[in-house]
Amino acid sequence: MNISPIRSEKDYKKALERLEIIFDAKLGTKEGDELDILSILIDKYENEYFPIGMPDPVEAIKFRMEQMGMKQKDLIALIGFKSRVSEILNRKRKLTLDMVRKLSKALHIPTEVLIQEY
């Protein structure tokens, strides 16, 4: 077991290749310990160099509506008039704090996603 920090793209690729080889290692074995440590190093490198940003607020609303089988008219109770729902979904109107709270609770979307600029 020769584990070293991942400092470059080359180190990263080498670590991924090794991970593939020992992926099915049993817990408590030498390779199992190597797998645990290597996974942590790879995760740290990926979080630093390939961060995943938060989704766009409007896209998050549309995605969640689709998942929940909702139509635009179903948002009227949360946002207000049919025209206001349309303006929000077409990015012509910003979400208010009250809308963010209601949408977050009803659609289970984190408020930090909904309060972003779009």
PDB file of N, CA and C in Angstrom:
ATOM      1  N   MET A   1       0.861  -1.177   0.000  1.00  0.00           N
ATOM      2  CA  MET A   1       0.000   0.000   0.000  1.00  0.00           C
ATOM      3  C   MET A   1       0.902   1.233   0.000  1.00  0.00           C
ATOM      4  N   ASN A   2       0.853   1.953  -1.102  1.00  0.00           N
ATOM      5  CA  ASN A   2       1.661   3.161  -1.249  1.00  0.00           C
ATOM      6  C   ASN A   2       0.732   4.317  -1.610  1.00  0.00           C
ATOM      7  N   ILE A   3       0.112   4.911  -0.607  1.00  0.00           N
ATOM      8  CA  ILE A   3      -0.839   6.002  -0.833  1.00  0.00           C
ATOM      9  C   ILE A   3      -0.128   7.322  -0.635  1.00  0.00           C
ATOM     10  N   SER A   4      -0.387   8.234  -1.590  1.00  0.00           N
ATOM     11  CA  SER A   4       0.194   9.569  -1.479  1.00  0.00           C
ATOM     12  C   SER A   4      -0.872  10.595  -1.849  1.00  0.00           C
ATOM     13  N   PRO A   5      -0.673  11.845  -1.469  1.00  0.00           N
ATOM     14  CA  PRO A   5      -1.654  12.888  -1.787  1.00  0.00           C
ATOM     15  C   PRO A   5      -1.886  13.008  -3.298  1.00  0.00           C
ATOM     16  N   ILE A   6      -3.096  13.440  -3.645  1.00  0.00           N
ATOM     17  CA  ILE A   6      -3.427  13.677  -5.054  1.00  0.00           C
ATOM     18  C   ILE A   6      -3.223  15.165  -5.301  1.00  0.00           C
ATOM     19  N   ARG A   7      -2.193  15.491  -6.067  1.00  0.00           N
ATOM     20  CA  ARG A   7      -1.831  16.897  -6.290  1.00  0.00           C
ATOM     21  C   ARG A   7      -1.978  17.332  -7.744  1.00  0.00           C
ATOM     22  N   SER A   8      -2.234  16.385  -8.639  1.00  0.00           N
ATOM     23  CA  SER A   8      -2.309  16.731 -10.064  1.00  0.00           C
ATOM     24  C   SER A   8      -3.316  15.819 -10.767  1.00  0.00           C
ATOM     25  N   GLU A   9      -3.604  16.170 -11.992  1.00  0.00           N
ATOM     26  CA  GLU A   9      -4.494  15.357 -12.821  1.00  0.00           C
ATOM     27  C   GLU A   9      -3.918  13.945 -12.997  1.00  0.00           C
ATOM     28  N   LYS A  10      -2.607  13.875 -13.139  1.00  0.00           N
ATOM     29  CA  LYS A  10      -1.929  12.588 -13.297  1.00  0.00           C
ATOM     30  C   LYS A  10      -2.111  11.734 -12.040  1.00  0.00           C
ATOM     31  N   ASP A  11      -1.917  12.341 -10.867  1.00  0.00           N
ATOM     32  CA  ASP A  11      -2.120  11.633  -9.598  1.00  0.00           C
ATOM     33  C   ASP A  11      -3.568  11.157  -9.470  1.00  0.00           C
ATOM     34  N   TYR A  12      -4.487  12.011  -9.894  1.00  0.00           N
ATOM     35  CA  TYR A  12      -5.917  11.711  -9.820  1.00  0.00           C
ATOM     36  C   TYR A  12      -6.249  10.485 -10.680  1.00  0.00           C
ATOM     37  N   LYS A  13      -5.760  10.486 -11.920  1.00  0.00           N
ATOM     38  CA  LYS A  13      -6.030   9.362 -12.824  1.00  0.00           C
ATOM     39  C   LYS A  13      -5.422   8.067 -12.286  1.00  0.00           C
ATOM     40  N   LYS A  14      -4.243   8.174 -11.721  1.00  0.00           N
ATOM     41  CA  LYS A  14      -3.565   7.013 -11.146  1.00  0.00           C
ATOM     42  C   LYS A  14      -4.385   6.469  -9.968  1.00  0.00           C
ATOM     43  N   ALA A  15      -4.893   7.369  -9.147  1.00  0.00           N
ATOM     44  CA  ALA A  15      -5.708   6.970  -8.001  1.00  0.00           C
ATOM     45  C   ALA A  15      -7.000   6.289  -8.455  1.00  0.00           C
ATOM     46  N   LEU A  16      -7.631   6.817  -9.507  1.00  0.00           N
ATOM     47  CA  LEU A  16      -8.857   6.208 -10.031  1.00  0.00           C
ATOM     48  C   LEU A  16      -8.586   4.812 -10.585  1.00  0.00           C
ATOM     49  N   GLU A  17      -7.449   4.656 -11.259  1.00  0.00           N
ATOM     50  CA  GLU A  17      -7.080   3.337 -11.793  1.00  0.00           C
ATOM     51  C   GLU A  17      -6.893   2.334 -10.653  1.00  0.00           C
ATOM     52  N   ARG A  18      -6.223   2.751  -9.603  1.00  0.00           N
ATOM     53  CA  ARG A  18      -5.998   1.870  -8.458  1.00  0.00           C
ATOM     54  C   ARG A  18      -7.327   1.553  -7.762  1.00  0.00           C
ATOM     55  N   LEU A  19      -8.182   2.553  -7.655  1.00  0.00           N
ATOM     56  CA  LEU A  19      -9.484   2.368  -7.026  1.00  0.00           C
ATOM     57  C   LEU A  19     -10.283   1.290  -7.765  1.00  0.00           C
ATOM     58  N   GLU A  20     -10.219   1.318  -9.072  1.00  0.00           N
ATOM     59  CA  GLU A  20     -10.922   0.332  -9.883  1.00  0.00           C
ATOM     60  C   GLU A  20     -10.421  -1.088  -9.585  1.00  0.00           C
ATOM     61  N   ILE A  21      -9.140  -1.219  -9.395  1.00  0.00           N
ATOM     62  CA  ILE A  21      -8.528  -2.528  -9.140  1.00  0.00           C
ATOM     63  C   ILE A  21      -8.960  -3.086  -7.774  1.00  0.00           C
ATOM     64  N   ILE A  22      -8.992  -2.221  -6.757  1.00  0.00           N
ATOM     65  CA  ILE A  22      -9.282  -2.690  -5.391  1.00  0.00           C
ATOM     66  C   ILE A  22     -10.728  -2.422  -4.962  1.00  0.00           C
ATOM     67  N   PHE A  23     -11.587  -2.065  -5.886  1.00  0.00           N
ATOM     68  CA  PHE A  23     -12.951  -1.637  -5.574  1.00  0.00           C
ATOM     69  C   PHE A  23     -13.735  -2.651  -4.738  1.00  0.00           C
ATOM     70  N   ASP A  24     -13.550  -3.926  -4.956  1.00  0.00           N
ATOM     71  CA  ASP A  24     -14.303  -4.949  -4.237  1.00  0.00           C
ATOM     72  C   ASP A  24     -13.556  -5.517  -3.034  1.00  0.00           C
ATOM     73  N   ALA A  25     -12.558  -4.788  -2.559  1.00  0.00           N
ATOM     74  CA  ALA A  25     -11.770  -5.257  -1.416  1.00  0.00           C
ATOM     75  C   ALA A  25     -12.649  -5.404  -0.179  1.00  0.00           C
ATOM     76  N   LYS A  26     -12.344  -6.391   0.623  1.00  0.00           N
ATOM     77  CA  LYS A  26     -13.103  -6.661   1.851  1.00  0.00           C
ATOM     78  C   LYS A  26     -12.670  -5.716   2.975  1.00  0.00           C
ATOM     79  N   LEU A  27     -13.647  -5.315   3.774  1.00  0.00           N
ATOM     80  CA  LEU A  27     -13.379  -4.460   4.929  1.00  0.00           C
ATOM     81  C   LEU A  27     -12.421  -5.165   5.884  1.00  0.00           C
ATOM     82  N   GLY A  28     -11.546  -4.391   6.478  1.00  0.00           N
ATOM     83  CA  GLY A  28     -10.630  -4.928   7.467  1.00  0.00           C
ATOM     84  C   GLY A  28      -9.372  -5.563   6.896  1.00  0.00           C
ATOM     85  N   THR A  29      -9.293  -5.603   5.564  1.00  0.00           N
ATOM     86  CA  THR A  29      -8.079  -6.134   4.935  1.00  0.00           C
ATOM     87  C   THR A  29      -7.173  -4.964   4.580  1.00  0.00           C
ATOM     88  N   LYS A  30      -5.961  -5.281   4.193  1.00  0.00           N
ATOM     89  CA  LYS A  30      -5.019  -4.236   3.790  1.00  0.00           C
ATOM     90  C   LYS A  30      -5.563  -3.447   2.591  1.00  0.00           C
ATOM     91  N   GLU A  31      -6.105  -4.179   1.610  1.00  0.00           N
ATOM     92  CA  GLU A  31      -6.687  -3.500   0.443  1.00  0.00           C
ATOM     93  C   GLU A  31      -7.971  -2.759   0.809  1.00  0.00           C
ATOM     94  N   GLY A  32      -8.718  -3.267   1.748  1.00  0.00           N
ATOM     95  CA  GLY A  32      -9.929  -2.587   2.216  1.00  0.00           C
ATOM     96  C   GLY A  32      -9.595  -1.252   2.860  1.00  0.00           C
ATOM     97  N   ASP A  33      -8.522  -1.236   3.657  1.00  0.00           N
ATOM     98  CA  ASP A  33      -8.067   0.014   4.272  1.00  0.00           C
ATOM     99  C   ASP A  33      -7.579   0.987   3.198  1.00  0.00           C
ATOM    100  N   GLU A  34      -6.853   0.452   2.219  1.00  0.00           N
ATOM    101  CA  GLU A  34      -6.370   1.286   1.116  1.00  0.00           C
ATOM    102  C   GLU A  34      -7.547   1.887   0.359  1.00  0.00           C
ATOM    103  N   LEU A  35      -8.584   1.089   0.141  1.00  0.00           N
ATOM    104  CA  LEU A  35      -9.786   1.562  -0.549  1.00  0.00           C
ATOM    105  C   LEU A  35     -10.425   2.721   0.205  1.00  0.00           C
ATOM    106  N   ASP A  36     -10.541   2.595   1.523  1.00  0.00           N
ATOM    107  CA  ASP A  36     -11.126   3.667   2.347  1.00  0.00           C
ATOM    108  C   ASP A  36     -10.330   4.966   2.214  1.00  0.00           C
ATOM    109  N   ILE A  37      -9.027   4.858   2.368  1.00  0.00           N
ATOM    110  CA  ILE A  37      -8.166   6.045   2.322  1.00  0.00           C
ATOM    111  C   ILE A  37      -8.165   6.668   0.936  1.00  0.00           C
ATOM    112  N   LEU A  38      -8.054   5.827  -0.085  1.00  0.00           N
ATOM    113  CA  LEU A  38      -8.035   6.316  -1.466  1.00  0.00           C
ATOM    114  C   LEU A  38      -9.348   7.018  -1.820  1.00  0.00           C
ATOM    115  N   SER A  39     -10.464   6.471  -1.350  1.00  0.00           N
ATOM    116  CA  SER A  39     -11.780   7.086  -1.601  1.00  0.00           C
ATOM    117  C   SER A  39     -11.857   8.482  -1.007  1.00  0.00           C
ATOM    118  N   ILE A  40     -11.312   8.639   0.183  1.00  0.00           N
ATOM    119  CA  ILE A  40     -11.312   9.942   0.854  1.00  0.00           C
ATOM    120  C   ILE A  40     -10.453  10.939   0.073  1.00  0.00           C
ATOM    121  N   LEU A  41      -9.293  10.506  -0.362  1.00  0.00           N
ATOM    122  CA  LEU A  41      -8.398  11.385  -1.128  1.00  0.00           C
ATOM    123  C   LEU A  41      -9.028  11.802  -2.462  1.00  0.00           C
ATOM    124  N   ILE A  42      -9.644  10.847  -3.143  1.00  0.00           N
ATOM    125  CA  ILE A  42     -10.292  11.143  -4.427  1.00  0.00           C
ATOM    126  C   ILE A  42     -11.443  12.116  -4.215  1.00  0.00           C
ATOM    127  N   ASP A  43     -12.249  11.881  -3.186  1.00  0.00           N
ATOM    128  CA  ASP A  43     -13.377  12.759  -2.889  1.00  0.00           C
ATOM    129  C   ASP A  43     -12.911  14.185  -2.602  1.00  0.00           C
ATOM    130  N   LYS A  44     -11.852  14.312  -1.829  1.00  0.00           N
ATOM    131  CA  LYS A  44     -11.296  15.637  -1.512  1.00  0.00           C
ATOM    132  C   LYS A  44     -10.830  16.343  -2.781  1.00  0.00           C
ATOM    133  N   TYR A  45     -10.131  15.637  -3.643  1.00  0.00           N
ATOM    134  CA  TYR A  45      -9.633  16.219  -4.891  1.00  0.00           C
ATOM    135  C   TYR A  45     -10.801  16.646  -5.791  1.00  0.00           C
ATOM    136  N   GLU A  46     -11.802  15.783  -5.922  1.00  0.00           N
ATOM    137  CA  GLU A  46     -12.952  16.099  -6.778  1.00  0.00           C
ATOM    138  C   GLU A  46     -13.731  17.294  -6.248  1.00  0.00           C
ATOM    139  N   ASN A  47     -13.910  17.368  -4.944  1.00  0.00           N
ATOM    140  CA  ASN A  47     -14.634  18.507  -4.366  1.00  0.00           C
ATOM    141  C   ASN A  47     -13.885  19.821  -4.583  1.00  0.00           C
ATOM    142  N   GLU A  48     -12.573  19.744  -4.585  1.00  0.00           N
ATOM    143  CA  GLU A  48     -11.764  20.946  -4.769  1.00  0.00           C
ATOM    144  C   GLU A  48     -11.682  21.376  -6.236  1.00  0.00           C
ATOM    145  N   TYR A  49     -11.514  20.421  -7.138  1.00  0.00           N
ATOM    146  CA  TYR A  49     -11.286  20.751  -8.543  1.00  0.00           C
ATOM    147  C   TYR A  49     -12.492  20.564  -9.454  1.00  0.00           C
ATOM    148  N   PHE A  50     -13.496  19.861  -8.996  1.00  0.00           N
ATOM    149  CA  PHE A  50     -14.706  19.653  -9.790  1.00  0.00           C
ATOM    150  C   PHE A  50     -15.944  19.907  -8.934  1.00  0.00           C
ATOM    151  N   PRO A  51     -16.055  21.104  -8.353  1.00  0.00           N
ATOM    152  CA  PRO A  51     -17.203  21.349  -7.467  1.00  0.00           C
ATOM    153  C   PRO A  51     -18.519  21.338  -8.241  1.00  0.00           C
ATOM    154  N   ILE A  52     -19.542  20.858  -7.571  1.00  0.00           N
ATOM    155  CA  ILE A  52     -20.869  20.840  -8.175  1.00  0.00           C
ATOM    156  C   ILE A  52     -21.636  22.014  -7.596  1.00  0.00           C
ATOM    157  N   GLY A  53     -22.014  22.936  -8.471  1.00  0.00           N
ATOM    158  CA  GLY A  53     -22.749  24.115  -8.027  1.00  0.00           C
ATOM    159  C   GLY A  53     -24.209  23.801  -7.762  1.00  0.00           C
ATOM    160  N   MET A  54     -24.876  24.742  -7.161  1.00  0.00           N
ATOM    161  CA  MET A  54     -26.292  24.565  -6.885  1.00  0.00           C
ATOM    162  C   MET A  54     -27.089  24.756  -8.176  1.00  0.00           C
ATOM    163  N   PRO A  55     -28.228  24.094  -8.273  1.00  0.00           N
ATOM    164  CA  PRO A  55     -29.051  24.240  -9.477  1.00  0.00           C
ATOM    165  C   PRO A  55     -29.684  25.620  -9.563  1.00  0.00           C
ATOM    166  N   ASP A  56     -30.023  26.005 -10.770  1.00  0.00           N
ATOM    167  CA  ASP A  56     -30.737  27.252 -11.026  1.00  0.00           C
ATOM    168  C   ASP A  56     -32.105  27.170 -10.328  1.00  0.00           C
ATOM    169  N   PRO A  57     -32.539  28.244  -9.652  1.00  0.00           N
ATOM    170  CA  PRO A  57     -33.810  28.204  -8.913  1.00  0.00           C
ATOM    171  C   PRO A  57     -35.019  27.818  -9.773  1.00  0.00           C
ATOM    172  N   VAL A  58     -35.145  28.433 -10.938  1.00  0.00           N
ATOM    173  CA  VAL A  58     -36.293  28.148 -11.798  1.00  0.00           C
ATOM    174  C   VAL A  58     -36.238  26.709 -12.310  1.00  0.00           C
ATOM    175  N   GLU A  59     -35.049  26.259 -12.687  1.00  0.00           N
ATOM    176  CA  GLU A  59     -34.910  24.872 -13.158  1.00  0.00           C
ATOM    177  C   GLU A  59     -35.207  23.893 -12.028  1.00  0.00           C
ATOM    178  N   ALA A  60     -34.828  24.247 -10.803  1.00  0.00           N
ATOM    179  CA  ALA A  60     -35.112  23.386  -9.649  1.00  0.00           C
ATOM    180  C   ALA A  60     -36.624  23.271  -9.431  1.00  0.00           C
ATOM    181  N   ILE A  61     -37.328  24.391  -9.575  1.00  0.00           N
ATOM    182  CA  ILE A  61     -38.791  24.384  -9.424  1.00  0.00           C
ATOM    183  C   ILE A  61     -39.416  23.513 -10.513  1.00  0.00           C
ATOM    184  N   LYS A  62     -39.005  23.720 -11.757  1.00  0.00           N
ATOM    185  CA  LYS A  62     -39.562  22.947 -12.877  1.00  0.00           C
ATOM    186  C   LYS A  62     -39.275  21.457 -12.713  1.00  0.00           C
ATOM    187  N   PHE A  63     -38.052  21.128 -12.315  1.00  0.00           N
ATOM    188  CA  PHE A  63     -37.676  19.731 -12.124  1.00  0.00           C
ATOM    189  C   PHE A  63     -38.532  19.074 -11.045  1.00  0.00           C
ATOM    190  N   ARG A  64     -38.690  19.782  -9.935  1.00  0.00           N
ATOM    191  CA  ARG A  64     -39.475  19.242  -8.816  1.00  0.00           C
ATOM    192  C   ARG A  64     -40.941  19.099  -9.197  1.00  0.00           C
ATOM    193  N   MET A  65     -41.457  20.075  -9.965  1.00  0.00           N
ATOM    194  CA  MET A  65     -42.842  19.984 -10.429  1.00  0.00           C
ATOM    195  C   MET A  65     -43.025  18.729 -11.279  1.00  0.00           C
ATOM    196  N   GLU A  66     -42.071  18.489 -12.150  1.00  0.00           N
ATOM    197  CA  GLU A  66     -42.135  17.311 -13.017  1.00  0.00           C
ATOM    198  C   GLU A  66     -42.096  16.031 -12.176  1.00  0.00           C
ATOM    199  N   GLN A  67     -41.211  15.999 -11.186  1.00  0.00           N
ATOM    200  CA  GLN A  67     -41.099  14.822 -10.318  1.00  0.00           C
ATOM    201  C   GLN A  67     -42.405  14.558  -9.566  1.00  0.00           C
ATOM    202  N   MET A  68     -43.065  15.637  -9.183  1.00  0.00           N
ATOM    203  CA  MET A  68     -44.279  15.518  -8.370  1.00  0.00           C
ATOM    204  C   MET A  68     -45.551  15.470  -9.209  1.00  0.00           C
ATOM    205  N   GLY A  69     -45.393  15.519 -10.545  1.00  0.00           N
ATOM    206  CA  GLY A  69     -46.545  15.478 -11.437  1.00  0.00           C
ATOM    207  C   GLY A  69     -47.412  16.722 -11.362  1.00  0.00           C
ATOM    208  N   MET A  70     -46.785  17.866 -11.106  1.00  0.00           N
ATOM    209  CA  MET A  70     -47.524  19.120 -10.959  1.00  0.00           C
ATOM    210  C   MET A  70     -47.564  19.901 -12.269  1.00  0.00           C
ATOM    211  N   LYS A  71     -48.591  20.699 -12.406  1.00  0.00           N
ATOM    212  CA  LYS A  71     -48.744  21.615 -13.542  1.00  0.00           C
ATOM    213  C   LYS A  71     -48.554  23.042 -13.008  1.00  0.00           C
ATOM    214  N   GLN A  72     -48.406  24.002 -13.929  1.00  0.00           N
ATOM    215  CA  GLN A  72     -48.240  25.406 -13.512  1.00  0.00           C
ATOM    216  C   GLN A  72     -49.381  25.851 -12.609  1.00  0.00           C
ATOM    217  N   LYS A  73     -50.592  25.425 -12.931  1.00  0.00           N
ATOM    218  CA  LYS A  73     -51.757  25.852 -12.132  1.00  0.00           C
ATOM    219  C   LYS A  73     -51.659  25.411 -10.675  1.00  0.00           C
ATOM    220  N   ASP A  74     -50.884  24.339 -10.427  1.00  0.00           N
ATOM    221  CA  ASP A  74     -50.723  23.861  -9.055  1.00  0.00           C
ATOM    222  C   ASP A  74     -49.891  24.813  -8.198  1.00  0.00           C
ATOM    223  N   LEU A  75     -49.141  25.710  -8.845  1.00  0.00           N
ATOM    224  CA  LEU A  75     -48.324  26.669  -8.104  1.00  0.00           C
ATOM    225  C   LEU A  75     -49.091  27.936  -7.728  1.00  0.00           C
ATOM    226  N   ILE A  76     -50.277  28.101  -8.263  1.00  0.00           N
ATOM    227  CA  ILE A  76     -51.069  29.312  -7.988  1.00  0.00           C
ATOM    228  C   ILE A  76     -51.277  29.493  -6.487  1.00  0.00           C
ATOM    229  N   ALA A  77     -51.553  28.410  -5.779  1.00  0.00           N
ATOM    230  CA  ALA A  77     -51.773  28.495  -4.328  1.00  0.00           C
ATOM    231  C   ALA A  77     -50.510  28.948  -3.589  1.00  0.00           C
ATOM    232  N   LEU A  78     -49.343  28.692  -4.175  1.00  0.00           N
ATOM    233  CA  LEU A  78     -48.083  29.054  -3.523  1.00  0.00           C
ATOM    234  C   LEU A  78     -47.579  30.430  -3.937  1.00  0.00           C
ATOM    235  N   ILE A  79     -47.786  30.773  -5.201  1.00  0.00           N
ATOM    236  CA  ILE A  79     -47.193  31.999  -5.761  1.00  0.00           C
ATOM    237  C   ILE A  79     -48.212  33.113  -5.968  1.00  0.00           C
ATOM    238  N   GLY A  80     -49.423  32.758  -6.298  1.00  0.00           N
ATOM    239  CA  GLY A  80     -50.424  33.780  -6.577  1.00  0.00           C
ATOM    240  C   GLY A  80     -51.084  33.526  -7.917  1.00  0.00           C
ATOM    241  N   PHE A  81     -51.379  34.574  -8.613  1.00  0.00           N
ATOM    242  CA  PHE A  81     -52.105  34.491  -9.873  1.00  0.00           C
ATOM    243  C   PHE A  81     -51.399  33.622 -10.919  1.00  0.00           C
ATOM    244  N   LYS A  82     -52.203  33.118 -11.867  1.00  0.00           N
ATOM    245  CA  LYS A  82     -51.670  32.300 -12.961  1.00  0.00           C
ATOM    246  C   LYS A  82     -50.595  33.063 -13.726  1.00  0.00           C
ATOM    247  N   SER A  83     -50.831  34.361 -13.942  1.00  0.00           N
ATOM    248  CA  SER A  83     -49.860  35.179 -14.690  1.00  0.00           C
ATOM    249  C   SER A  83     -48.547  35.310 -13.911  1.00  0.00           C
ATOM    250  N   ARG A  84     -48.628  35.386 -12.586  1.00  0.00           N
ATOM    251  CA  ARG A  84     -47.422  35.503 -11.764  1.00  0.00           C
ATOM    252  C   ARG A  84     -46.602  34.202 -11.824  1.00  0.00           C
ATOM    253  N   VAL A  85     -47.276  33.072 -11.793  1.00  0.00           N
ATOM    254  CA  VAL A  85     -46.598  31.776 -11.913  1.00  0.00           C
ATOM    255  C   VAL A  85     -45.852  31.727 -13.240  1.00  0.00           C
ATOM    256  N   SER A  86     -46.520  32.137 -14.296  1.00  0.00           N
ATOM    257  CA  SER A  86     -45.908  32.150 -15.629  1.00  0.00           C
ATOM    258  C   SER A  86     -44.701  33.080 -15.675  1.00  0.00           C
ATOM    259  N   GLU A  87     -44.826  34.251 -15.086  1.00  0.00           N
ATOM    260  CA  GLU A  87     -43.710  35.216 -15.059  1.00  0.00           C
ATOM    261  C   GLU A  87     -42.505  34.637 -14.309  1.00  0.00           C
ATOM    262  N   ILE A  88     -42.750  33.958 -13.195  1.00  0.00           N
ATOM    263  CA  ILE A  88     -41.662  33.343 -12.416  1.00  0.00           C
ATOM    264  C   ILE A  88     -40.972  32.274 -13.256  1.00  0.00           C
ATOM    265  N   LEU A  89     -41.762  31.371 -13.843  1.00  0.00           N
ATOM    266  CA  LEU A  89     -41.194  30.257 -14.598  1.00  0.00           C
ATOM    267  C   LEU A  89     -40.524  30.699 -15.900  1.00  0.00           C
ATOM    268  N   ASN A  90     -40.885  31.896 -16.376  1.00  0.00           N
ATOM    269  CA  ASN A  90     -40.247  32.448 -17.584  1.00  0.00           C
ATOM    270  C   ASN A  90     -39.197  33.496 -17.239  1.00  0.00           C
ATOM    271  N   ARG A  91     -38.854  33.589 -15.962  1.00  0.00           N
ATOM    272  CA  ARG A  91     -37.788  34.469 -15.470  1.00  0.00           C
ATOM    273  C   ARG A  91     -38.069  35.965 -15.682  1.00  0.00           C
ATOM    274  N   LYS A  92     -39.327  36.342 -15.703  1.00  0.00           N
ATOM    275  CA  LYS A  92     -39.680  37.752 -15.886  1.00  0.00           C
ATOM    276  C   LYS A  92     -39.996  38.419 -14.557  1.00  0.00           C
ATOM    277  N   ARG A  93     -40.057  37.630 -13.511  1.00  0.00           N
ATOM    278  CA  ARG A  93     -40.338  38.145 -12.169  1.00  0.00           C
ATOM    279  C   ARG A  93     -39.476  37.361 -11.188  1.00  0.00           C
ATOM    280  N   LYS A  94     -38.968  38.048 -10.198  1.00  0.00           N
ATOM    281  CA  LYS A  94     -38.153  37.420  -9.160  1.00  0.00           C
ATOM    282  C   LYS A  94     -39.046  36.827  -8.080  1.00  0.00           C
ATOM    283  N   LEU A  95     -38.526  35.829  -7.416  1.00  0.00           N
ATOM    284  CA  LEU A  95     -39.238  35.243  -6.284  1.00  0.00           C
ATOM    285  C   LEU A  95     -39.161  36.180  -5.086  1.00  0.00           C
ATOM    286  N   THR A  96     -40.263  36.316  -4.377  1.00  0.00           N
ATOM    287  CA  THR A  96     -40.253  37.089  -3.135  1.00  0.00           C
ATOM    288  C   THR A  96     -39.886  36.148  -1.996  1.00  0.00           C
ATOM    289  N   LEU A  97     -39.579  36.705  -0.851  1.00  0.00           N
ATOM    290  CA  LEU A  97     -39.236  35.899   0.317  1.00  0.00           C
ATOM    291  C   LEU A  97     -40.390  34.974   0.697  1.00  0.00           C
ATOM    292  N   ASP A  98     -41.599  35.479   0.631  1.00  0.00           N
ATOM    293  CA  ASP A  98     -42.776  34.671   0.948  1.00  0.00           C
ATOM    294  C   ASP A  98     -42.909  33.498  -0.030  1.00  0.00           C
ATOM    295  N   MET A  99     -42.689  33.753  -1.324  1.00  0.00           N
ATOM    296  CA  MET A  99     -42.746  32.693  -2.332  1.00  0.00           C
ATOM    297  C   MET A  99     -41.673  31.643  -2.068  1.00  0.00           C
ATOM    298  N   VAL A 100     -40.472  32.099  -1.724  1.00  0.00           N
ATOM    299  CA  VAL A 100     -39.365  31.182  -1.448  1.00  0.00           C
ATOM    300  C   VAL A 100     -39.744  30.253  -0.296  1.00  0.00           C
ATOM    301  N   ARG A 101     -40.297  30.813   0.749  1.00  0.00           N
ATOM    302  CA  ARG A 101     -40.687  30.004   1.914  1.00  0.00           C
ATOM    303  C   ARG A 101     -41.735  28.956   1.533  1.00  0.00           C
ATOM    304  N   LYS A 102     -42.755  29.396   0.807  1.00  0.00           N
ATOM    305  CA  LYS A 102     -43.840  28.480   0.429  1.00  0.00           C
ATOM    306  C   LYS A 102     -43.353  27.397  -0.529  1.00  0.00           C
ATOM    307  N   LEU A 103     -42.563  27.793  -1.527  1.00  0.00           N
ATOM    308  CA  LEU A 103     -42.048  26.822  -2.495  1.00  0.00           C
ATOM    309  C   LEU A 103     -41.104  25.824  -1.834  1.00  0.00           C
ATOM    310  N   SER A 104     -40.278  26.326  -0.945  1.00  0.00           N
ATOM    311  CA  SER A 104     -39.333  25.460  -0.246  1.00  0.00           C
ATOM    312  C   SER A 104     -40.073  24.388   0.551  1.00  0.00           C
ATOM    313  N   LYS A 105     -41.093  24.809   1.258  1.00  0.00           N
ATOM    314  CA  LYS A 105     -41.852  23.869   2.090  1.00  0.00           C
ATOM    315  C   LYS A 105     -42.653  22.884   1.235  1.00  0.00           C
ATOM    316  N   ALA A 106     -43.345  23.379   0.233  1.00  0.00           N
ATOM    317  CA  ALA A 106     -44.221  22.522  -0.576  1.00  0.00           C
ATOM    318  C   ALA A 106     -43.456  21.600  -1.520  1.00  0.00           C
ATOM    319  N   LEU A 107     -42.368  22.113  -2.103  1.00  0.00           N
ATOM    320  CA  LEU A 107     -41.632  21.335  -3.101  1.00  0.00           C
ATOM    321  C   LEU A 107     -40.379  20.676  -2.537  1.00  0.00           C
ATOM    322  N   HIS A 108     -40.092  20.943  -1.270  1.00  0.00           N
ATOM    323  CA  HIS A 108     -38.901  20.381  -0.607  1.00  0.00           C
ATOM    324  C   HIS A 108     -37.613  20.761  -1.352  1.00  0.00           C
ATOM    325  N   ILE A 109     -37.521  22.042  -1.691  1.00  0.00           N
ATOM    326  CA  ILE A 109     -36.315  22.585  -2.321  1.00  0.00           C
ATOM    327  C   ILE A 109     -35.637  23.458  -1.273  1.00  0.00           C
ATOM    328  N   PRO A 110     -34.356  23.257  -1.011  1.00  0.00           N
ATOM    329  CA  PRO A 110     -33.676  24.086  -0.006  1.00  0.00           C
ATOM    330  C   PRO A 110     -33.781  25.583  -0.338  1.00  0.00           C
ATOM    331  N   THR A 111     -33.993  26.397   0.683  1.00  0.00           N
ATOM    332  CA  THR A 111     -34.131  27.837   0.457  1.00  0.00           C
ATOM    333  C   THR A 111     -32.879  28.432  -0.183  1.00  0.00           C
ATOM    334  N   GLU A 112     -31.679  27.875   0.139  1.00  0.00           N
ATOM    335  CA  GLU A 112     -30.466  28.425  -0.456  1.00  0.00           C
ATOM    336  C   GLU A 112     -30.440  28.254  -1.975  1.00  0.00           C
ATOM    337  N   VAL A 113     -31.172  27.281  -2.495  1.00  0.00           N
ATOM    338  CA  VAL A 113     -31.272  27.122  -3.949  1.00  0.00           C
ATOM    339  C   VAL A 113     -32.199  28.206  -4.509  1.00  0.00           C
ATOM    340  N   LEU A 114     -33.323  28.425  -3.835  1.00  0.00           N
ATOM    341  CA  LEU A 114     -34.334  29.350  -4.349  1.00  0.00           C
ATOM    342  C   LEU A 114     -33.929  30.828  -4.237  1.00  0.00           C
ATOM    343  N   ILE A 115     -33.052  31.177  -3.311  1.00  0.00           N
ATOM    344  CA  ILE A 115     -32.716  32.590  -3.138  1.00  0.00           C
ATOM    345  C   ILE A 115     -31.593  33.062  -4.054  1.00  0.00           C
ATOM    346  N   GLN A 116     -31.023  32.154  -4.834  1.00  0.00           N
ATOM    347  CA  GLN A 116     -29.934  32.551  -5.749  1.00  0.00           C
ATOM    348  C   GLN A 116     -30.445  33.483  -6.843  1.00  0.00           C
ATOM    349  N   GLU A 117     -29.536  34.281  -7.359  1.00  0.00           N
ATOM    350  CA  GLU A 117     -29.853  35.129  -8.513  1.00  0.00           C
ATOM    351  C   GLU A 117     -30.075  34.251  -9.736  1.00  0.00           C
ATOM    352  N   TYR A 118     -30.954  34.689 -10.606  1.00  0.00           N
ATOM    353  CA  TYR A 118     -31.159  33.988 -11.876  1.00  0.00           C
ATOM    354  C   TYR A 118     -31.474  34.950 -12.962  1.00  0.00           C
TER     355      TYR A 118
END
